Amino acid sequence: MTDLARRAGAAEPELPARQLTLLLDGGLASGVLDADPAVAEAARRTARALVDAAVS
């Protein structure tokens, strides 16, 4: 994740890498525990916001 964040142009690639990893872990856990299909869309939107914030 850090390498991806670096290649995307993040000023501090470790931070978005950690944030996205936490989002992925939480999304997977929520998907298993809650079986809520809305989790995937919420995770996608949150990931987009994190990436946008990291590279702008």
Protein backbone atom coordinates (compact mmCIF):
# COMPACT_ATOMS: atom_id res chain seq x y z
CA MET A 1 0.00 0.00 0.00
CA THR A 2 2.82 2.39 0.77
CA ASP A 3 4.33 1.85 -2.66
CA LEU A 4 0.96 2.46 -4.32
CA ALA A 5 0.46 5.65 -2.30
CA ARG A 6 3.96 6.81 -3.22
CA ARG A 7 3.36 6.14 -6.94
CA ALA A 8 0.04 7.99 -6.74
CA GLY A 9 1.92 11.06 -5.53
CA ALA A 10 1.00 11.13 -1.85
CA ALA A 11 3.14 13.59 0.08
CA GLU A 12 3.22 11.27 3.11
CA PRO A 13 2.58 7.80 1.63
CA GLU A 14 2.72 5.96 4.96
CA LEU A 15 -0.42 7.71 6.25
CA PRO A 16 -2.81 6.88 3.40
CA ALA A 17 -1.32 3.39 3.22
CA ARG A 18 -2.18 2.83 6.87
CA GLN A 19 -5.62 4.41 6.46
CA LEU A 20 -6.48 2.30 3.42
CA THR A 21 -5.24 -0.86 5.12
CA LEU A 22 -7.46 -0.14 8.11
CA LEU A 23 -10.38 0.52 5.77
CA LEU A 24 -9.78 -2.76 3.96
CA ASP A 25 -9.52 -4.72 7.20
CA GLY A 26 -12.63 -3.09 8.62
CA GLY A 27 -14.57 -3.59 5.41
CA LEU A 28 -13.69 -7.26 5.29
CA ALA A 29 -14.63 -7.75 8.92
CA SER A 30 -17.89 -5.88 8.49
CA GLY A 31 -18.72 -7.85 5.38
CA VAL A 32 -18.24 -11.12 7.22
CA LEU A 33 -19.95 -10.09 10.44
CA ASP A 34 -22.82 -8.04 9.05
CA ALA A 35 -23.23 -9.42 5.51
CA ASP A 36 -24.40 -5.94 4.50
CA PRO A 37 -23.96 -5.26 0.77
CA ALA A 38 -23.85 -1.51 1.43
CA VAL A 39 -20.45 -1.93 3.10
CA ALA A 40 -18.66 -2.27 -0.24
CA GLU A 41 -20.05 1.02 -1.58
CA ALA A 42 -19.29 2.84 1.66
CA ALA A 43 -15.73 1.50 1.60
CA ARG A 44 -15.30 2.52 -2.04
CA ARG A 45 -16.43 6.08 -1.33
CA THR A 46 -14.26 6.31 1.75
CA ALA A 47 -11.22 5.01 -0.15
CA ARG A 48 -11.80 7.60 -2.86
CA ALA A 49 -11.96 10.38 -0.27
CA LEU A 50 -8.74 9.17 1.39
CA VAL A 51 -6.90 8.97 -1.94
CA ASP A 52 -8.16 12.38 -3.03
CA ALA A 53 -7.04 13.94 0.26
CA ALA A 54 -3.62 12.29 0.09
CA VAL A 55 -2.74 13.39 -3.43
CA SER A 56 -4.25 16.86 -3.56
